[in-house]
Amino acid sequence: MPLVKPTPPAAVPAVPTPVPQRSDMANFAVRGDAVMTALPGVVDGMNAAVVYANDANDFAAEQVTLAATQADNSAGSAALAAASAQ
Protein backbone atom coordinates (compact mmCIF):
# COMPACT_ATOMS: atom_id res chain seq x y z
CA MET A 1 0.00 0.00 0.00
CA PRO A 2 1.45 3.39 -0.94
CA LEU A 3 2.57 5.70 1.79
CA VAL A 4 0.64 8.90 2.41
CA LYS A 5 2.57 12.12 1.86
CA PRO A 6 3.47 13.39 5.35
CA THR A 7 2.20 16.72 6.62
CA PRO A 8 4.84 19.10 7.95
CA PRO A 9 4.56 19.69 11.70
CA ALA A 10 4.07 23.06 13.33
CA ALA A 11 7.17 25.17 13.82
CA VAL A 12 9.36 24.32 16.79
CA PRO A 13 8.55 26.77 19.57
CA ALA A 14 11.24 29.30 20.30
CA VAL A 15 13.10 29.46 23.58
CA PRO A 16 12.19 32.66 25.44
CA THR A 17 14.60 35.51 25.01
CA PRO A 18 16.61 37.04 26.41
CA VAL A 19 18.21 33.89 27.74
CA PRO A 20 19.71 33.84 31.23
CA GLN A 21 23.19 35.31 31.60
CA ARG A 22 25.42 34.85 34.64
CA SER A 23 26.41 38.47 34.32
CA ASP A 24 22.76 39.50 34.93
CA MET A 25 22.12 37.90 38.31
CA ALA A 26 19.04 40.04 38.98
CA ASN A 27 17.16 38.37 36.10
CA PHE A 28 18.96 35.03 35.93
CA ALA A 29 16.46 32.98 37.95
CA VAL A 30 13.37 34.33 36.20
CA ARG A 31 14.86 33.88 32.72
CA GLY A 32 16.24 30.46 33.64
CA ASP A 33 12.82 29.34 34.83
CA ALA A 34 11.25 30.58 31.59
CA VAL A 35 13.76 28.64 29.51
CA MET A 36 13.34 25.47 31.57
CA THR A 37 9.55 25.75 31.32
CA ALA A 38 9.76 26.10 27.54
CA LEU A 39 12.13 23.16 26.98
CA PRO A 40 9.54 20.33 26.99
CA GLY A 41 7.64 22.07 24.18
CA VAL A 42 10.86 22.64 22.25
CA VAL A 43 11.82 18.97 22.62
CA ASP A 44 8.35 17.86 21.48
CA GLY A 45 8.61 20.16 18.46
CA MET A 46 12.07 18.85 17.57
CA ASN A 47 10.89 15.26 17.90
CA ALA A 48 7.95 15.98 15.60
CA ALA A 49 10.35 17.53 13.07
CA VAL A 50 12.57 14.43 13.14
CA VAL A 51 9.57 12.11 12.68
CA TYR A 52 8.42 14.24 9.75
CA ALA A 53 11.88 14.18 8.15
CA ASN A 54 11.99 10.39 8.45
CA ASP A 55 8.47 10.00 7.04
CA ALA A 56 9.25 12.41 4.19
CA ASN A 57 12.40 10.43 3.38
CA ASP A 58 10.44 7.16 3.31
CA PHE A 59 7.80 8.75 1.07
CA ALA A 60 10.44 10.10 -1.33
CA ALA A 61 12.19 6.73 -1.48
CA GLU A 62 8.89 5.04 -2.26
CA GLN A 63 8.20 7.58 -5.03
CA VAL A 64 11.62 6.87 -6.56
CA THR A 65 10.87 3.14 -6.52
CA LEU A 66 7.48 3.70 -8.13
CA ALA A 67 9.01 5.91 -10.81
CA ALA A 68 11.67 3.31 -11.59
CA THR A 69 9.01 0.62 -11.86
CA GLN A 70 6.98 2.78 -14.23
CA ALA A 71 10.07 3.46 -16.33
CA ASP A 72 10.75 -0.27 -16.58
CA ASN A 73 7.12 -0.90 -17.52
CA SER A 74 7.25 1.81 -20.18
CA ALA A 75 10.44 0.39 -21.64
CA GLY A 76 8.85 -3.05 -21.80
CA SER A 77 5.74 -1.67 -23.47
CA ALA A 78 7.86 0.22 -25.99
CA ALA A 79 9.81 -2.93 -26.81
CA LEU A 80 6.58 -4.91 -27.31
CA ALA A 81 5.15 -2.15 -29.50
CA ALA A 82 8.30 -2.06 -31.61
CA ALA A 83 8.27 -5.84 -31.99
CA SER A 84 4.61 -5.94 -32.98
CA ALA A 85 5.10 -3.17 -35.54
CA GLN A 86 7.49 -5.33 -37.54
PDB file of N, CA and C in Angstrom:
ATOM      1  N   MET A   1       0.846  -1.169   0.000  1.00  0.00           N
ATOM      2  CA  MET A   1       0.000   0.000   0.000  1.00  0.00           C
ATOM      3  C   MET A   1       0.895   1.237   0.000  1.00  0.00           C
ATOM      4  N   PRO A   2       0.605   2.190  -0.873  1.00  0.00           N
ATOM      5  CA  PRO A   2       1.454   3.394  -0.940  1.00  0.00           C
ATOM      6  C   PRO A   2       1.398   4.207   0.351  1.00  0.00           C
ATOM      7  N   LEU A   3       2.503   4.819   0.626  1.00  0.00           N
ATOM      8  CA  LEU A   3       2.574   5.702   1.788  1.00  0.00           C
ATOM      9  C   LEU A   3       1.825   6.995   1.492  1.00  0.00           C
ATOM     10  N   VAL A   4       1.318   7.608   2.529  1.00  0.00           N
ATOM     11  CA  VAL A   4       0.642   8.901   2.412  1.00  0.00           C
ATOM     12  C   VAL A   4       1.691   9.995   2.604  1.00  0.00           C
ATOM     13  N   LYS A   5       1.621  11.016   1.753  1.00  0.00           N
ATOM     14  CA  LYS A   5       2.574  12.120   1.862  1.00  0.00           C
ATOM     15  C   LYS A   5       2.437  12.755   3.245  1.00  0.00           C
ATOM     16  N   PRO A   6       3.554  12.851   3.993  1.00  0.00           N
ATOM     17  CA  PRO A   6       3.467  13.394   5.354  1.00  0.00           C
ATOM     18  C   PRO A   6       3.177  14.893   5.361  1.00  0.00           C
ATOM     19  N   THR A   7       2.521  15.311   6.417  1.00  0.00           N
ATOM     20  CA  THR A   7       2.197  16.720   6.615  1.00  0.00           C
ATOM     21  C   THR A   7       3.257  17.348   7.513  1.00  0.00           C
ATOM     22  N   PRO A   8       3.828  18.463   7.096  1.00  0.00           N
ATOM     23  CA  PRO A   8       4.840  19.105   7.947  1.00  0.00           C
ATOM     24  C   PRO A   8       4.260  19.490   9.312  1.00  0.00           C
ATOM     25  N   PRO A   9       5.044  19.315  10.366  1.00  0.00           N
ATOM     26  CA  PRO A   9       4.564  19.688  11.695  1.00  0.00           C
ATOM     27  C   PRO A   9       4.606  21.208  11.881  1.00  0.00           C
ATOM     28  N   ALA A  10       4.010  21.633  12.981  1.00  0.00           N
ATOM     29  CA  ALA A  10       4.072  23.055  13.329  1.00  0.00           C
ATOM     30  C   ALA A  10       5.528  23.434  13.613  1.00  0.00           C
ATOM     31  N   ALA A  11       5.814  24.700  13.547  1.00  0.00           N
ATOM     32  CA  ALA A  11       7.168  25.169  13.821  1.00  0.00           C
ATOM     33  C   ALA A  11       7.566  24.832  15.257  1.00  0.00           C
ATOM     34  N   VAL A  12       8.843  24.579  15.440  1.00  0.00           N
ATOM     35  CA  VAL A  12       9.360  24.315  16.785  1.00  0.00           C
ATOM     36  C   VAL A  12       9.255  25.612  17.582  1.00  0.00           C
ATOM     37  N   PRO A  13       8.674  25.543  18.777  1.00  0.00           N
ATOM     38  CA  PRO A  13       8.555  26.773  19.568  1.00  0.00           C
ATOM     39  C   PRO A  13       9.926  27.347  19.927  1.00  0.00           C
ATOM     40  N   ALA A  14       9.980  28.640  19.975  1.00  0.00           N
ATOM     41  CA  ALA A  14      11.243  29.304  20.299  1.00  0.00           C
ATOM     42  C   ALA A  14      11.474  29.311  21.811  1.00  0.00           C
ATOM     43  N   VAL A  15      12.734  29.304  22.176  1.00  0.00           N
ATOM     44  CA  VAL A  15      13.103  29.455  23.583  1.00  0.00           C
ATOM     45  C   VAL A  15      12.941  30.945  23.917  1.00  0.00           C
ATOM     46  N   PRO A  16      12.377  31.247  25.086  1.00  0.00           N
ATOM     47  CA  PRO A  16      12.188  32.663  25.440  1.00  0.00           C
ATOM     48  C   PRO A  16      13.507  33.434  25.444  1.00  0.00           C
ATOM     49  N   THR A  17      13.424  34.641  24.984  1.00  0.00           N
ATOM     50  CA  THR A  17      14.599  35.512  25.006  1.00  0.00           C
ATOM     51  C   THR A  17      14.260  36.757  25.811  1.00  0.00           C
ATOM     52  N   PRO A  18      15.189  37.396  26.392  1.00  0.00           N
ATOM     53  CA  PRO A  18      16.605  37.041  26.408  1.00  0.00           C
ATOM     54  C   PRO A  18      16.856  35.840  27.316  1.00  0.00           C
ATOM     55  N   VAL A  19      17.852  35.067  26.947  1.00  0.00           N
ATOM     56  CA  VAL A  19      18.208  33.889  27.737  1.00  0.00           C
ATOM     57  C   VAL A  19      18.966  34.322  28.986  1.00  0.00           C
ATOM     58  N   PRO A  20      19.007  33.462  29.997  1.00  0.00           N
ATOM     59  CA  PRO A  20      19.710  33.840  31.230  1.00  0.00           C
ATOM     60  C   PRO A  20      21.211  34.027  30.994  1.00  0.00           C
ATOM     61  N   GLN A  21      21.750  35.027  31.659  1.00  0.00           N
ATOM     62  CA  GLN A  21      23.192  35.307  31.600  1.00  0.00           C
ATOM     63  C   GLN A  21      23.726  35.396  33.022  1.00  0.00           C
ATOM     64  N   ARG A  22      24.844  34.763  33.289  1.00  0.00           N
ATOM     65  CA  ARG A  22      25.420  34.847  34.641  1.00  0.00           C
ATOM     66  C   ARG A  22      25.783  36.276  35.016  1.00  0.00           C
ATOM     67  N   SER A  23      26.047  37.083  34.026  1.00  0.00           N
ATOM     68  CA  SER A  23      26.408  38.470  34.320  1.00  0.00           C
ATOM     69  C   SER A  23      25.197  39.312  34.740  1.00  0.00           C
ATOM     70  N   ASP A  24      23.991  38.792  34.557  1.00  0.00           N
ATOM     71  CA  ASP A  24      22.762  39.502  34.927  1.00  0.00           C
ATOM     72  C   ASP A  24      22.063  38.713  36.027  1.00  0.00           C
ATOM     73  N   MET A  25      22.639  38.715  37.201  1.00  0.00           N
ATOM     74  CA  MET A  25      22.125  37.901  38.308  1.00  0.00           C
ATOM     75  C   MET A  25      20.729  38.321  38.754  1.00  0.00           C
ATOM     76  N   ALA A  26      20.364  39.577  38.551  1.00  0.00           N
ATOM     77  CA  ALA A  26      19.044  40.042  38.978  1.00  0.00           C
ATOM     78  C   ALA A  26      17.927  39.348  38.199  1.00  0.00           C
ATOM     79  N   ASN A  27      18.177  38.994  36.947  1.00  0.00           N
ATOM     80  CA  ASN A  27      17.159  38.371  36.098  1.00  0.00           C
ATOM     81  C   ASN A  27      17.433  36.901  35.793  1.00  0.00           C
ATOM     82  N   PHE A  28      18.543  36.387  36.298  1.00  0.00           N
ATOM     83  CA  PHE A  28      18.956  35.034  35.932  1.00  0.00           C
ATOM     84  C   PHE A  28      17.898  33.986  36.287  1.00  0.00           C
ATOM     85  N   ALA A  29      17.401  34.009  37.498  1.00  0.00           N
ATOM     86  CA  ALA A  29      16.456  32.976  37.946  1.00  0.00           C
ATOM     87  C   ALA A  29      15.155  33.014  37.141  1.00  0.00           C
ATOM     88  N   VAL A  30      14.631  34.199  36.929  1.00  0.00           N
ATOM     89  CA  VAL A  30      13.370  34.332  36.199  1.00  0.00           C
ATOM     90  C   VAL A  30      13.542  33.857  34.754  1.00  0.00           C
ATOM     91  N   ARG A  31      14.618  34.279  34.114  1.00  0.00           N
ATOM     92  CA  ARG A  31      14.857  33.880  32.723  1.00  0.00           C
ATOM     93  C   ARG A  31      15.191  32.390  32.632  1.00  0.00           C
ATOM     94  N   GLY A  32      15.923  31.895  33.618  1.00  0.00           N
ATOM     95  CA  GLY A  32      16.242  30.462  33.638  1.00  0.00           C
ATOM     96  C   GLY A  32      14.987  29.626  33.789  1.00  0.00           C
ATOM     97  N   ASP A  33      14.090  30.056  34.660  1.00  0.00           N
ATOM     98  CA  ASP A  33      12.819  29.341  34.831  1.00  0.00           C
ATOM     99  C   ASP A  33      12.003  29.356  33.536  1.00  0.00           C
ATOM    100  N   ALA A  34      12.003  30.484  32.849  1.00  0.00           N
ATOM    101  CA  ALA A  34      11.248  30.584  31.595  1.00  0.00           C
ATOM    102  C   ALA A  34      11.818  29.629  30.547  1.00  0.00           C
ATOM    103  N   VAL A  35      13.134  29.555  30.469  1.00  0.00           N
ATOM    104  CA  VAL A  35      13.762  28.645  29.509  1.00  0.00           C
ATOM    105  C   VAL A  35      13.458  27.194  29.880  1.00  0.00           C
ATOM    106  N   MET A  36      13.595  26.849  31.143  1.00  0.00           N
ATOM    107  CA  MET A  36      13.340  25.467  31.573  1.00  0.00           C
ATOM    108  C   MET A  36      11.874  25.080  31.375  1.00  0.00           C
ATOM    109  N   THR A  37      10.969  26.015  31.539  1.00  0.00           N
ATOM    110  CA  THR A  37       9.551  25.754  31.321  1.00  0.00           C
ATOM    111  C   THR A  37       9.265  25.520  29.840  1.00  0.00           C
ATOM    112  N   ALA A  38       9.980  26.212  28.978  1.00  0.00           N
ATOM    113  CA  ALA A  38       9.756  26.099  27.538  1.00  0.00           C
ATOM    114  C   ALA A  38      10.392  24.842  26.936  1.00  0.00           C
ATOM    115  N   LEU A  39      11.385  24.269  27.580  1.00  0.00           N
ATOM    116  CA  LEU A  39      12.131  23.160  26.976  1.00  0.00           C
ATOM    117  C   LEU A  39      11.285  21.939  26.607  1.00  0.00           C
ATOM    118  N   PRO A  40      10.328  21.495  27.429  1.00  0.00           N
ATOM    119  CA  PRO A  40       9.538  20.335  26.987  1.00  0.00           C
ATOM    120  C   PRO A  40       8.815  20.571  25.656  1.00  0.00           C
ATOM    121  N   GLY A  41       8.292  21.758  25.453  1.00  0.00           N
ATOM    122  CA  GLY A  41       7.641  22.074  24.178  1.00  0.00           C
ATOM    123  C   GLY A  41       8.624  22.103  23.023  1.00  0.00           C
ATOM    124  N   VAL A  42       9.817  22.607  23.281  1.00  0.00           N
ATOM    125  CA  VAL A  42      10.862  22.642  22.253  1.00  0.00           C
ATOM    126  C   VAL A  42      11.259  21.218  21.875  1.00  0.00           C
ATOM    127  N   VAL A  43      11.444  20.366  22.880  1.00  0.00           N
ATOM    128  CA  VAL A  43      11.821  18.974  22.619  1.00  0.00           C
ATOM    129  C   VAL A  43      10.722  18.261  21.836  1.00  0.00           C
ATOM    130  N   ASP A  44       9.465  18.467  22.216  1.00  0.00           N
ATOM    131  CA  ASP A  44       8.354  17.860  21.479  1.00  0.00           C
ATOM    132  C   ASP A  44       8.343  18.328  20.025  1.00  0.00           C
ATOM    133  N   GLY A  45       8.578  19.618  19.820  1.00  0.00           N
ATOM    134  CA  GLY A  45       8.614  20.161  18.462  1.00  0.00           C
ATOM    135  C   GLY A  45       9.760  19.589  17.647  1.00  0.00           C
ATOM    136  N   MET A  46      10.917  19.430  18.272  1.00  0.00           N
ATOM    137  CA  MET A  46      12.066  18.854  17.571  1.00  0.00           C
ATOM    138  C   MET A  46      11.813  17.382  17.246  1.00  0.00           C
ATOM    139  N   ASN A  47      11.217  16.660  18.163  1.00  0.00           N
ATOM    140  CA  ASN A  47      10.890  15.255  17.901  1.00  0.00           C
ATOM    141  C   ASN A  47       9.911  15.138  16.740  1.00  0.00           C
ATOM    142  N   ALA A  48       8.914  15.999  16.702  1.00  0.00           N
ATOM    143  CA  ALA A  48       7.950  15.981  15.601  1.00  0.00           C
ATOM    144  C   ALA A  48       8.644  16.286  14.274  1.00  0.00           C
ATOM    145  N   ALA A  49       9.602  17.198  14.287  1.00  0.00           N
ATOM    146  CA  ALA A  49      10.347  17.531  13.066  1.00  0.00           C
ATOM    147  C   ALA A  49      11.177  16.341  12.587  1.00  0.00           C
ATOM    148  N   VAL A  50      11.771  15.602  13.511  1.00  0.00           N
ATOM    149  CA  VAL A  50      12.567  14.429  13.143  1.00  0.00           C
ATOM    150  C   VAL A  50      11.666  13.333  12.574  1.00  0.00           C
ATOM    151  N   VAL A  51      10.515  13.113  13.188  1.00  0.00           N
ATOM    152  CA  VAL A  51       9.570  12.106  12.683  1.00  0.00           C
ATOM    153  C   VAL A  51       9.120  12.496  11.271  1.00  0.00           C
ATOM    154  N   TYR A  52       8.829  13.776  11.076  1.00  0.00           N
ATOM    155  CA  TYR A  52       8.418  14.243   9.752  1.00  0.00           C
ATOM    156  C   TYR A  52       9.528  14.025   8.726  1.00  0.00           C
ATOM    157  N   ALA A  53      10.766  14.356   9.081  1.00  0.00           N
ATOM    158  CA  ALA A  53      11.884  14.180   8.153  1.00  0.00           C
ATOM    159  C   ALA A  53      12.035  12.710   7.771  1.00  0.00           C
ATOM    160  N   ASN A  54      11.889  11.819   8.731  1.00  0.00           N
ATOM    161  CA  ASN A  54      11.988  10.389   8.454  1.00  0.00           C
ATOM    162  C   ASN A  54      10.841   9.933   7.549  1.00  0.00           C
ATOM    163  N   ASP A  55       9.621  10.368   7.859  1.00  0.00           N
ATOM    164  CA  ASP A  55       8.468   9.996   7.042  1.00  0.00           C
ATOM    165  C   ASP A  55       8.592  10.563   5.622  1.00  0.00           C
ATOM    166  N   ALA A  56       9.069  11.796   5.499  1.00  0.00           N
ATOM    167  CA  ALA A  56       9.247  12.405   4.185  1.00  0.00           C
ATOM    168  C   ALA A  56      10.311  11.653   3.384  1.00  0.00           C
ATOM    169  N   ASN A  57      11.363  11.212   4.051  1.00  0.00           N
ATOM    170  CA  ASN A  57      12.400  10.433   3.383  1.00  0.00           C
ATOM    171  C   ASN A  57      11.831   9.105   2.884  1.00  0.00           C
ATOM    172  N   ASP A  58      11.057   8.426   3.719  1.00  0.00           N
ATOM    173  CA  ASP A  58      10.439   7.162   3.313  1.00  0.00           C
ATOM    174  C   ASP A  58       9.510   7.375   2.122  1.00  0.00           C
ATOM    175  N   PHE A  59       8.723   8.444   2.163  1.00  0.00           N
ATOM    176  CA  PHE A  59       7.801   8.750   1.070  1.00  0.00           C
ATOM    177  C   PHE A  59       8.565   9.014  -0.222  1.00  0.00           C
ATOM    178  N   ALA A  60       9.635   9.800  -0.135  1.00  0.00           N
ATOM    179  CA  ALA A  60      10.436  10.104  -1.327  1.00  0.00           C
ATOM    180  C   ALA A  60      11.076   8.838  -1.890  1.00  0.00           C
ATOM    181  N   ALA A  61      11.585   7.977  -1.017  1.00  0.00           N
ATOM    182  CA  ALA A  61      12.195   6.731  -1.477  1.00  0.00           C
ATOM    183  C   ALA A  61      11.159   5.858  -2.180  1.00  0.00           C
ATOM    184  N   GLU A  62       9.954   5.812  -1.636  1.00  0.00           N
ATOM    185  CA  GLU A  62       8.895   5.039  -2.264  1.00  0.00           C
ATOM    186  C   GLU A  62       8.544   5.619  -3.638  1.00  0.00           C
ATOM    187  N   GLN A  63       8.506   6.941  -3.753  1.00  0.00           N
ATOM    188  CA  GLN A  63       8.203   7.581  -5.029  1.00  0.00           C
ATOM    189  C   GLN A  63       9.273   7.265  -6.069  1.00  0.00           C
ATOM    190  N   VAL A  64      10.530   7.222  -5.648  1.00  0.00           N
ATOM    191  CA  VAL A  64      11.620   6.870  -6.558  1.00  0.00           C
ATOM    192  C   VAL A  64      11.443   5.434  -7.052  1.00  0.00           C
ATOM    193  N   THR A  65      11.096   4.535  -6.144  1.00  0.00           N
ATOM    194  CA  THR A  65      10.873   3.137  -6.516  1.00  0.00           C
ATOM    195  C   THR A  65       9.710   3.017  -7.496  1.00  0.00           C
ATOM    196  N   LEU A  66       8.633   3.725  -7.223  1.00  0.00           N
ATOM    197  CA  LEU A  66       7.485   3.695  -8.135  1.00  0.00           C
ATOM    198  C   LEU A  66       7.839   4.257  -9.508  1.00  0.00           C
ATOM    199  N   ALA A  67       8.607   5.318  -9.541  1.00  0.00           N
ATOM    200  CA  ALA A  67       9.015   5.914 -10.813  1.00  0.00           C
ATOM    201  C   ALA A  67       9.906   4.954 -11.599  1.00  0.00           C
ATOM    202  N   ALA A  68      10.808   4.274 -10.908  1.00  0.00           N
ATOM    203  CA  ALA A  68      11.675   3.306 -11.586  1.00  0.00           C
ATOM    204  C   ALA A  68      10.860   2.147 -12.139  1.00  0.00           C
ATOM    205  N   THR A  69       9.880   1.702 -11.386  1.00  0.00           N
ATOM    206  CA  THR A  69       9.012   0.620 -11.862  1.00  0.00           C
ATOM    207  C   THR A  69       8.242   1.067 -13.100  1.00  0.00           C
ATOM    208  N   GLN A  70       7.710   2.265 -13.068  1.00  0.00           N
ATOM    209  CA  GLN A  70       6.976   2.779 -14.225  1.00  0.00           C
ATOM    210  C   GLN A  70       7.887   2.928 -15.441  1.00  0.00           C
ATOM    211  N   ALA A  71       9.120   3.342 -15.222  1.00  0.00           N
ATOM    212  CA  ALA A  71      10.069   3.461 -16.330  1.00  0.00           C
ATOM    213  C   ALA A  71      10.348   2.091 -16.937  1.00  0.00           C
ATOM    214  N   ASP A  72      10.532   1.094 -16.085  1.00  0.00           N
ATOM    215  CA  ASP A  72      10.748  -0.266 -16.578  1.00  0.00           C
ATOM    216  C   ASP A  72       9.527  -0.756 -17.356  1.00  0.00           C
ATOM    217  N   ASN A  73       8.339  -0.499 -16.832  1.00  0.00           N
ATOM    218  CA  ASN A  73       7.116  -0.904 -17.520  1.00  0.00           C
ATOM    219  C   ASN A  73       6.985  -0.201 -18.877  1.00  0.00           C
ATOM    220  N   SER A  74       7.328   1.059 -18.922  1.00  0.00           N
ATOM    221  CA  SER A  74       7.248   1.813 -20.175  1.00  0.00           C
ATOM    222  C   SER A  74       8.242   1.267 -21.195  1.00  0.00           C
ATOM    223  N   ALA A  75       9.437   0.940 -20.725  1.00  0.00           N
ATOM    224  CA  ALA A  75      10.441   0.389 -21.637  1.00  0.00           C
ATOM    225  C   ALA A  75       9.974  -0.957 -22.188  1.00  0.00           C
ATOM    226  N   GLY A  76       9.377  -1.767 -21.332  1.00  0.00           N
ATOM    227  CA  GLY A  76       8.849  -3.051 -21.805  1.00  0.00           C
ATOM    228  C   GLY A  76       7.734  -2.878 -22.807  1.00  0.00           C
ATOM    229  N   SER A  77       6.848  -1.938 -22.539  1.00  0.00           N
ATOM    230  CA  SER A  77       5.745  -1.670 -23.473  1.00  0.00           C
ATOM    231  C   SER A  77       6.270  -1.161 -24.806  1.00  0.00           C
ATOM    232  N   ALA A  78       7.278  -0.311 -24.754  1.00  0.00           N
ATOM    233  CA  ALA A  78       7.864   0.216 -25.989  1.00  0.00           C
ATOM    234  C   ALA A  78       8.514  -0.907 -26.788  1.00  0.00           C
ATOM    235  N   ALA A  79       9.177  -1.807 -26.101  1.00  0.00           N
ATOM    236  CA  ALA A  79       9.805  -2.933 -26.807  1.00  0.00           C
ATOM    237  C   ALA A  79       8.753  -3.833 -27.447  1.00  0.00           C
ATOM    238  N   LEU A  80       7.658  -4.088 -26.737  1.00  0.00           N
ATOM    239  CA  LEU A  80       6.577  -4.905 -27.314  1.00  0.00           C
ATOM    240  C   LEU A  80       5.945  -4.205 -28.508  1.00  0.00           C
ATOM    241  N   ALA A  81       5.739  -2.901 -28.391  1.00  0.00           N
ATOM    242  CA  ALA A  81       5.148  -2.148 -29.501  1.00  0.00           C
ATOM    243  C   ALA A  81       6.054  -2.178 -30.715  1.00  0.00           C
ATOM    244  N   ALA A  82       7.353  -2.037 -30.504  1.00  0.00           N
ATOM    245  CA  ALA A  82       8.305  -2.063 -31.612  1.00  0.00           C
ATOM    246  C   ALA A  82       8.319  -3.448 -32.260  1.00  0.00           C
ATOM    247  N   ALA A  83       8.255  -4.476 -31.445  1.00  0.00           N
ATOM    248  CA  ALA A  83       8.274  -5.839 -31.988  1.00  0.00           C
ATOM    249  C   ALA A  83       6.999  -6.141 -32.764  1.00  0.00           C
ATOM    250  N   SER A  84       5.870  -5.651 -32.287  1.00  0.00           N
ATOM    251  CA  SER A  84       4.615  -5.941 -32.979  1.00  0.00           C
ATOM    252  C   SER A  84       4.450  -5.107 -34.244  1.00  0.00           C
ATOM    253  N   ALA A  85       5.191  -4.034 -34.369  1.00  0.00           N
ATOM    254  CA  ALA A  85       5.102  -3.172 -35.540  1.00  0.00           C
ATOM    255  C   ALA A  85       5.851  -3.784 -36.717  1.00  0.00           C
ATOM    256  N   GLN A  86       6.704  -4.735 -36.457  1.00  0.00           N
ATOM    257  CA  GLN A  86       7.494  -5.332 -37.540  1.00  0.00           C
ATOM    258  C   GLN A  86       6.706  -6.338 -38.306  1.00  0.00           C
TER     259      GLN A  86
END
